[in-house]
C-alpha atoms as a PDB file:
ATOM      1  CA  MET A   1     -12.608   2.265  -6.101  1.00  0.00           C
ATOM      2  CA  LEU A   2     -10.404   5.333  -6.094  1.00  0.00           C
ATOM      3  CA  THR A   3     -12.054   8.742  -5.955  1.00  0.00           C
ATOM      4  CA  SER A   4     -11.856  11.228  -8.805  1.00  0.00           C
ATOM      5  CA  LEU A   5      -9.405  13.341  -6.782  1.00  0.00           C
ATOM      6  CA  GLN A   6      -7.205  10.325  -6.082  1.00  0.00           C
ATOM      7  CA  ILE A   7      -7.137   9.419  -9.777  1.00  0.00           C
ATOM      8  CA  ARG A   8      -6.420  13.034 -10.706  1.00  0.00           C
ATOM      9  CA  VAL A   9      -3.510  13.364  -8.272  1.00  0.00           C
ATOM     10  CA  ALA A  10      -2.088   9.956  -9.217  1.00  0.00           C
ATOM     11  CA  LYS A  11      -2.118  10.794 -12.929  1.00  0.00           C
ATOM     12  CA  LEU A  12      -0.601  14.197 -12.237  1.00  0.00           C
ATOM     13  CA  PHE A  13       2.249  12.880 -10.114  1.00  0.00           C
ATOM     14  CA  LEU A  14       3.107   9.924 -12.341  1.00  0.00           C
ATOM     15  CA  SER A  15       3.203  12.198 -15.410  1.00  0.00           C
ATOM     16  CA  LEU A  16       5.896  14.448 -13.927  1.00  0.00           C
ATOM     17  CA  PRO A  17       9.395  14.064 -15.440  1.00  0.00           C
ATOM     18  CA  GLU A  18      10.846  14.155 -11.916  1.00  0.00           C
ATOM     19  CA  ALA A  19       8.666  11.170 -10.989  1.00  0.00           C
ATOM     20  CA  CYS A  20       9.641   8.953 -13.909  1.00  0.00           C
ATOM     21  CA  HIS A  21      11.027   6.221 -11.632  1.00  0.00           C
ATOM     22  CA  PHE A  22       8.086   6.205  -9.223  1.00  0.00           C
ATOM     23  CA  ALA A  23       5.092   3.876  -9.168  1.00  0.00           C
ATOM     24  CA  LEU A  24       1.758   3.825  -7.377  1.00  0.00           C
ATOM     25  CA  ALA A  25       1.955   1.400  -4.450  1.00  0.00           C
ATOM     26  CA  GLY A  26       0.025   0.262  -1.370  1.00  0.00           C
ATOM     27  CA  GLY A  27      -3.699  -0.136  -0.976  1.00  0.00           C
ATOM     28  CA  ALA A  28      -4.494   2.404  -3.692  1.00  0.00           C
ATOM     29  CA  ALA A  29      -2.619   0.269  -6.226  1.00  0.00           C
ATOM     30  CA  LEU A  30      -4.549  -2.837  -5.165  1.00  0.00           C
ATOM     31  CA  ILE A  31      -7.844  -0.944  -5.385  1.00  0.00           C
ATOM     32  CA  PHE A  32      -6.941   0.472  -8.803  1.00  0.00           C
ATOM     33  CA  LYS A  33      -6.165  -3.061 -10.028  1.00  0.00           C
ATOM     34  CA  ASN A  34      -9.466  -4.347  -8.598  1.00  0.00           C
ATOM     35  CA  GLU A  35      -7.610  -6.805  -6.374  1.00  0.00           C
ATOM     36  CA  VAL A  36      -9.489  -5.581  -3.287  1.00  0.00           C
ATOM     37  CA  ALA A  37     -12.802  -3.772  -2.844  1.00  0.00           C
ATOM     38  CA  ARG A  38     -12.348  -1.164  -0.145  1.00  0.00           C
ATOM     39  CA  HIS A  39     -11.638   2.523   0.367  1.00  0.00           C
ATOM     40  CA  THR A  40      -8.376   4.288   1.090  1.00  0.00           C
ATOM     41  CA  GLN A  41      -7.364   7.757   2.199  1.00  0.00           C
ATOM     42  CA  ASP A  42      -3.810   7.401   0.901  1.00  0.00           C
ATOM     43  CA  LEU A  43      -1.836   7.495  -2.308  1.00  0.00           C
ATOM     44  CA  ASP A  44       1.597   5.911  -1.922  1.00  0.00           C
ATOM     45  CA  PHE A  45       4.305   6.541  -4.509  1.00  0.00           C
ATOM     46  CA  PHE A  46       7.648   4.801  -4.180  1.00  0.00           C
ATOM     47  CA  CYS A  47      10.914   4.906  -6.077  1.00  0.00           C
ATOM     48  CA  PRO A  48      14.052   2.753  -5.711  1.00  0.00           C
ATOM     49  CA  LEU A  49      16.221   5.891  -5.902  1.00  0.00           C
ATOM     50  CA  GLN A  50      16.278   7.868  -2.654  1.00  0.00           C
ATOM     51  CA  ASN A  51      17.799  10.995  -4.196  1.00  0.00           C
ATOM     52  CA  GLU A  52      14.724  11.516  -6.418  1.00  0.00           C
ATOM     53  CA  VAL A  53      12.196  11.899  -3.599  1.00  0.00           C
ATOM     54  CA  ARG A  54      12.680  15.591  -2.879  1.00  0.00           C
ATOM     55  CA  ALA A  55      12.694  16.697  -6.527  1.00  0.00           C
ATOM     56  CA  ALA A  56       9.535  14.714  -7.252  1.00  0.00           C
ATOM     57  CA  SER A  57       7.816  16.192  -4.206  1.00  0.00           C
ATOM     58  CA  GLU A  58       8.750  19.752  -5.122  1.00  0.00           C
ATOM     59  CA  SER A  59       7.560  19.236  -8.692  1.00  0.00           C
ATOM     60  CA  LEU A  60       4.211  17.921  -7.458  1.00  0.00           C
ATOM     61  CA  GLN A  61       3.807  20.921  -5.160  1.00  0.00           C
ATOM     62  CA  LYS A  62       4.325  23.304  -8.090  1.00  0.00           C
ATOM     63  CA  SER A  63       1.848  21.397 -10.249  1.00  0.00           C
ATOM     64  CA  LEU A  64      -0.784  21.301  -7.510  1.00  0.00           C
ATOM     65  CA  ALA A  65      -0.450  25.041  -6.956  1.00  0.00           C
ATOM     66  CA  SER A  66      -0.803  25.742 -10.677  1.00  0.00           C
ATOM     67  CA  LEU A  67      -4.050  23.738 -10.727  1.00  0.00           C
ATOM     68  CA  GLY A  68      -5.480  25.493  -7.680  1.00  0.00           C
ATOM     69  CA  LEU A  69      -5.289  22.429  -5.455  1.00  0.00           C
ATOM     70  CA  ARG A  70      -4.379  23.156  -1.857  1.00  0.00           C
ATOM     71  CA  PHE A  71      -1.763  21.100  -0.048  1.00  0.00           C
ATOM     72  CA  GLN A  72      -0.019  20.941   3.301  1.00  0.00           C
ATOM     73  CA  ILE A  73       3.326  19.267   4.006  1.00  0.00           C
ATOM     74  CA  VAL A  74       2.929  17.018   7.049  1.00  0.00           C
ATOM     75  CA  SER A  75       6.443  15.588   7.180  1.00  0.00           C
ATOM     76  CA  SER A  76       9.543  15.814   5.031  1.00  0.00           C
ATOM     77  CA  SER A  77      12.945  14.129   4.904  1.00  0.00           C
ATOM     78  CA  PRO A  78      15.385  13.225   2.116  1.00  0.00           C
ATOM     79  CA  SER A  79      13.738   9.803   1.724  1.00  0.00           C
ATOM     80  CA  PHE A  80      10.080  10.494   2.542  1.00  0.00           C
ATOM     81  CA  VAL A  81       7.513  13.276   2.136  1.00  0.00           C
ATOM     82  CA  ARG A  82       3.892  13.249   3.282  1.00  0.00           C
ATOM     83  CA  MET A  83       1.394  15.885   2.234  1.00  0.00           C
ATOM     84  CA  ILE A  84      -2.356  16.366   2.380  1.00  0.00           C
ATOM     85  CA  VAL A  85      -3.946  17.508  -0.879  1.00  0.00           C
ATOM     86  CA  GLN A  86      -7.370  19.144  -0.815  1.00  0.00           C
ATOM     87  CA  GLU A  87      -9.790  19.940  -3.605  1.00  0.00           C
ATOM     88  CA  THR A  88     -11.213  23.414  -3.024  1.00  0.00           C
ATOM     89  CA  GLU A  89     -14.713  22.817  -4.419  1.00  0.00           C
ATOM     90  CA  SER A  90     -15.512  19.593  -2.574  1.00  0.00           C
ATOM     91  CA  ASN A  91     -13.058  19.834   0.345  1.00  0.00           C
ATOM     92  CA  GLU A  92     -12.133  16.217  -0.397  1.00  0.00           C
ATOM     93  CA  GLU A  93      -8.690  15.312   0.929  1.00  0.00           C
ATOM     94  CA  VAL A  94      -6.114  12.703   0.033  1.00  0.00           C
ATOM     95  CA  VAL A  95      -2.913  11.879   1.895  1.00  0.00           C
ATOM     96  CA  VAL A  96       0.043  11.578  -0.481  1.00  0.00           C
ATOM     97  CA  ASP A  97       3.183   9.705   0.546  1.00  0.00           C
ATOM     98  CA  ILE A  98       6.284  10.000  -1.642  1.00  0.00           C
ATOM     99  CA  GLY A  99       9.146   7.792  -0.619  1.00  0.00           C
ATOM    100  CA  HIS A 100      12.024   5.467  -1.296  1.00  0.00           C
ATOM    101  CA  ASP A 101      11.694   1.682  -1.217  1.00  0.00           C
ATOM    102  CA  TYR A 102      13.562  -1.277  -2.645  1.00  0.00           C
ATOM    103  CA  ARG A 103      11.842  -2.607  -5.764  1.00  0.00           C
ATOM    104  CA  LEU A 104      11.579  -6.301  -6.461  1.00  0.00           C
ATOM    105  CA  LYS A 105       9.885  -6.331  -9.862  1.00  0.00           C
ATOM    106  CA  LYS A 106       9.217  -4.061 -12.825  1.00  0.00           C
ATOM    107  CA  PRO A 107       6.030  -1.970 -12.397  1.00  0.00           C
ATOM    108  CA  ASP A 108       3.052  -2.399 -14.702  1.00  0.00           C
ATOM    109  CA  ASP A 109       2.277   0.324 -17.238  1.00  0.00           C
ATOM    110  CA  THR A 110      -1.324   1.514 -16.864  1.00  0.00           C
ATOM    111  CA  GLU A 111      -3.554   4.348 -18.016  1.00  0.00           C
ATOM    112  CA  ILE A 112      -2.632   6.386 -14.921  1.00  0.00           C
ATOM    113  CA  GLY A 113       1.083   5.593 -15.099  1.00  0.00           C
ATOM    114  CA  PRO A 114       3.372   2.983 -13.499  1.00  0.00           C
ATOM    115  CA  VAL A 115       1.752   0.804 -10.824  1.00  0.00           C
ATOM    116  CA  LEU A 116       3.627  -1.796  -8.795  1.00  0.00           C
ATOM    117  CA  SER A 117       3.148  -5.377  -9.955  1.00  0.00           C
ATOM    118  CA  THR A 118       0.586  -7.372  -8.022  1.00  0.00           C
ATOM    119  CA  GLU A 119       3.335  -9.757  -6.853  1.00  0.00           C
ATOM    120  CA  GLU A 120       5.284  -6.856  -5.384  1.00  0.00           C
ATOM    121  CA  LEU A 121       2.137  -5.488  -3.781  1.00  0.00           C
ATOM    122  CA  ALA A 122       1.592  -8.900  -2.183  1.00  0.00           C
ATOM    123  CA  ALA A 123       5.093  -8.781  -0.698  1.00  0.00           C
ATOM    124  CA  ASP A 124       4.592  -5.206   0.504  1.00  0.00           C
ATOM    125  CA  LYS A 125       1.236  -5.977   2.080  1.00  0.00           C
ATOM    126  CA  LEU A 126       2.530  -8.989   3.983  1.00  0.00           C
ATOM    127  CA  LEU A 127       5.463  -6.897   5.195  1.00  0.00           C
ATOM    128  CA  ALA A 128       2.980  -4.213   6.279  1.00  0.00           C
ATOM    129  CA  LEU A 129       1.013  -6.802   8.252  1.00  0.00           C
ATOM    130  CA  PHE A 130       4.305  -8.027   9.697  1.00  0.00           C
ATOM    131  CA  GLY A 131       5.071  -4.488  10.861  1.00  0.00           C
ATOM    132  CA  ARG A 132       1.735  -3.021  11.984  1.00  0.00           C
ATOM    133  CA  ALA A 133      -1.111  -5.607  11.705  1.00  0.00           C
ATOM    134  CA  GLU A 134      -3.986  -3.262  10.794  1.00  0.00           C
ATOM    135  CA  ALA A 135      -7.408  -4.440   9.611  1.00  0.00           C
ATOM    136  CA  ARG A 136      -6.804  -3.315   6.032  1.00  0.00           C
ATOM    137  CA  ASP A 137      -3.585  -5.337   5.926  1.00  0.00           C
ATOM    138  CA  PHE A 138      -5.401  -8.495   6.987  1.00  0.00           C
ATOM    139  CA  VAL A 139      -8.061  -7.941   4.309  1.00  0.00           C
ATOM    140  CA  ASP A 140      -5.511  -7.310   1.572  1.00  0.00           C
ATOM    141  CA  VAL A 141      -3.243 -10.221   2.526  1.00  0.00           C
ATOM    142  CA  TYR A 142      -6.252 -12.548   2.748  1.00  0.00           C
ATOM    143  CA  HIS A 143      -7.170 -11.803  -0.872  1.00  0.00           C
ATOM    144  CA  LEU A 144      -3.578 -11.865  -2.134  1.00  0.00           C
ATOM    145  CA  MET A 145      -2.750 -15.186  -0.473  1.00  0.00           C
ATOM    146  CA  HIS A 146      -5.816 -16.688  -2.110  1.00  0.00           C
ATOM    147  CA  LYS A 147      -4.622 -15.325  -5.444  1.00  0.00           C
ATOM    148  CA  PHE A 148      -0.968 -16.400  -5.276  1.00  0.00           C
ATOM    149  CA  GLY A 149      -0.917 -19.006  -2.518  1.00  0.00           C
ATOM    150  CA  VAL A 150       0.486 -18.729   0.989  1.00  0.00           C
ATOM    151  CA  ALA A 151       3.932 -20.129   0.191  1.00  0.00           C
ATOM    152  CA  SER A 152       4.416 -17.777  -2.757  1.00  0.00           C
ATOM    153  CA  VAL A 153       3.533 -14.639  -0.779  1.00  0.00           C
ATOM    154  CA  LEU A 154       5.763 -15.697   2.113  1.00  0.00           C
ATOM    155  CA  HIS A 155       8.612 -16.220  -0.354  1.00  0.00           C
ATOM    156  CA  LEU A 156       8.065 -12.816  -1.988  1.00  0.00           C
ATOM    157  CA  ALA A 157       8.127 -11.081   1.398  1.00  0.00           C
ATOM    158  CA  LYS A 158      11.372 -12.816   2.367  1.00  0.00           C
ATOM    159  CA  GLU A 159      12.881 -11.990  -1.017  1.00  0.00           C
ATOM    160  CA  LYS A 160      12.082  -8.309  -0.591  1.00  0.00           C
ATOM    161  CA  ASP A 161      13.072  -8.065   3.081  1.00  0.00           C
ATOM    162  CA  THR A 162      15.556 -10.567   4.465  1.00  0.00           C
ATOM    163  CA  GLY A 163      14.541  -9.510   7.970  1.00  0.00           C
ATOM    164  CA  PHE A 164      11.079 -10.987   7.471  1.00  0.00           C
ATOM    165  CA  ASP A 165      10.464 -13.680  10.108  1.00  0.00           C
ATOM    166  CA  PRO A 166       7.429 -16.013   9.813  1.00  0.00           C
ATOM    167  CA  TYR A 167       7.446 -16.555  13.582  1.00  0.00           C
ATOM    168  CA  ILE A 168       7.100 -12.811  14.246  1.00  0.00           C
ATOM    169  CA  LEU A 169       4.380 -12.747  11.582  1.00  0.00           C
ATOM    170  CA  ALA A 170       2.509 -15.400  13.561  1.00  0.00           C
ATOM    171  CA  ILE A 171       2.741 -13.216  16.668  1.00  0.00           C
ATOM    172  CA  GLU A 172       1.373 -10.235  14.724  1.00  0.00           C
ATOM    173  CA  ILE A 173      -1.482 -12.332  13.343  1.00  0.00           C
ATOM    174  CA  GLY A 174      -2.483 -12.943  16.953  1.00  0.00           C
ATOM    175  CA  LYS A 175      -3.543  -9.274  17.127  1.00  0.00           C
ATOM    176  CA  LEU A 176      -6.387  -9.957  14.683  1.00  0.00           C
ATOM    177  CA  ALA A 177      -8.805 -10.998  17.426  1.00  0.00           C
ATOM    178  CA  ARG A 178      -8.427  -7.608  19.133  1.00  0.00           C
ATOM    179  CA  LEU A 179      -9.333  -5.519  16.091  1.00  0.00           C
ATOM    180  CA  PRO A 180     -12.939  -4.169  15.980  1.00  0.00           C
ATOM    181  CA  ARG A 181     -15.248  -5.755  13.391  1.00  0.00           C
ATOM    182  CA  LYS A 182     -16.170  -2.305  12.017  1.00  0.00           C
ATOM    183  CA  GLU A 183     -12.606  -1.770  10.777  1.00  0.00           C
ATOM    184  CA  PHE A 184     -12.949  -4.588   8.230  1.00  0.00           C
ATOM    185  CA  GLU A 185     -14.543  -3.521   4.930  1.00  0.00           C
ATOM    186  CA  VAL A 186     -15.866  -7.004   4.134  1.00  0.00           C
ATOM    187  CA  ASP A 187     -19.206  -8.775   4.495  1.00  0.00           C
ATOM    188  CA  ASP A 188     -19.903 -11.060   7.444  1.00  0.00           C
ATOM    189  CA  LEU A 189     -19.174 -14.282   5.563  1.00  0.00           C
ATOM    190  CA  THR A 190     -15.808 -13.021   4.312  1.00  0.00           C
ATOM    191  CA  TYR A 191     -14.997 -11.756   7.790  1.00  0.00           C
ATOM    192  CA  GLN A 192     -15.645 -15.199   9.274  1.00  0.00           C
ATOM    193  CA  GLU A 193     -13.598 -16.901   6.552  1.00  0.00           C
ATOM    194  CA  LEU A 194     -10.774 -14.409   7.083  1.00  0.00           C
ATOM    195  CA  GLN A 195     -10.719 -15.152  10.807  1.00  0.00           C
ATOM    196  CA  ILE A 196     -10.499 -18.901  10.175  1.00  0.00           C
ATOM    197  CA  PHE A 197      -7.848 -18.466   7.487  1.00  0.00           C
ATOM    198  CA  PHE A 198      -5.508 -16.451   9.691  1.00  0.00           C
ATOM    199  CA  ARG A 199      -6.120 -18.626  12.729  1.00  0.00           C
ATOM    200  CA  ASN A 200      -5.017 -21.652  10.694  1.00  0.00           C
ATOM    201  CA  LEU A 201      -2.085 -19.782   9.155  1.00  0.00           C
ATOM    202  CA  ARG A 202      -0.887 -18.653  12.577  1.00  0.00           C
ATOM    203  CA  ALA A 203      -1.026 -22.199  13.919  1.00  0.00           C
ATOM    204  CA  GLU A 204       0.900 -23.474  10.894  1.00  0.00           C
ATOM    205  CA  LEU A 205       3.614 -20.824  11.221  1.00  0.00           C
ATOM    206  CA  LEU A 206       4.024 -21.448  14.945  1.00  0.00           C
ATOM    207  CA  GLU A 207       4.241 -25.191  14.399  1.00  0.00           C
ATOM    208  CA  LYS A 208       6.989 -24.756  11.798  1.00  0.00           C
ATOM    209  CA  ALA A 209       8.910 -22.468  14.155  1.00  0.00           C
ATOM    210  CA  LEU A 210       9.083 -25.113  16.900  1.00  0.00           C
END
């Protein structure tokens, strides 16, 4: 589940007028929706309009300062800002990413504000696995493919990014065996099932590519 600081910052950002076109994305959105049971250090907020990133970031900085929350800008560009927000009393930190990304579907309205639809999150997570193949991506995609089906998630990823290539995905899946067990926030049975699932998926994707 999300921490109290993560919930606080998410509500704050999504309530800002300058952030009216943004939505919570990434692993935090999946955790908030109870689609996956793991932890995250990040809050990702994305908007389909690149020219709104800087204004939303500056508005958040002002709001954080007014509430006595410390923050540090790690990187900043017209289309992406990353900052670390820290709660003074507990020293808890959260990494906040504010950026621009194409949006496939309308976000869901929730008690903390707009959150990307689970279908869009499935597309994003498969594209993340396609691009970086981290343990958390394998865990998230495993759950989402069981929810929506393999073919549906593959289709969503291709719909969102025409550069998505199932053959390259199969190559990335091959990195799974090299990732340490401790990086996977799942029990042993789920870990074994995940390994089998992706081994079979990789073989299927490679066979179709031949």
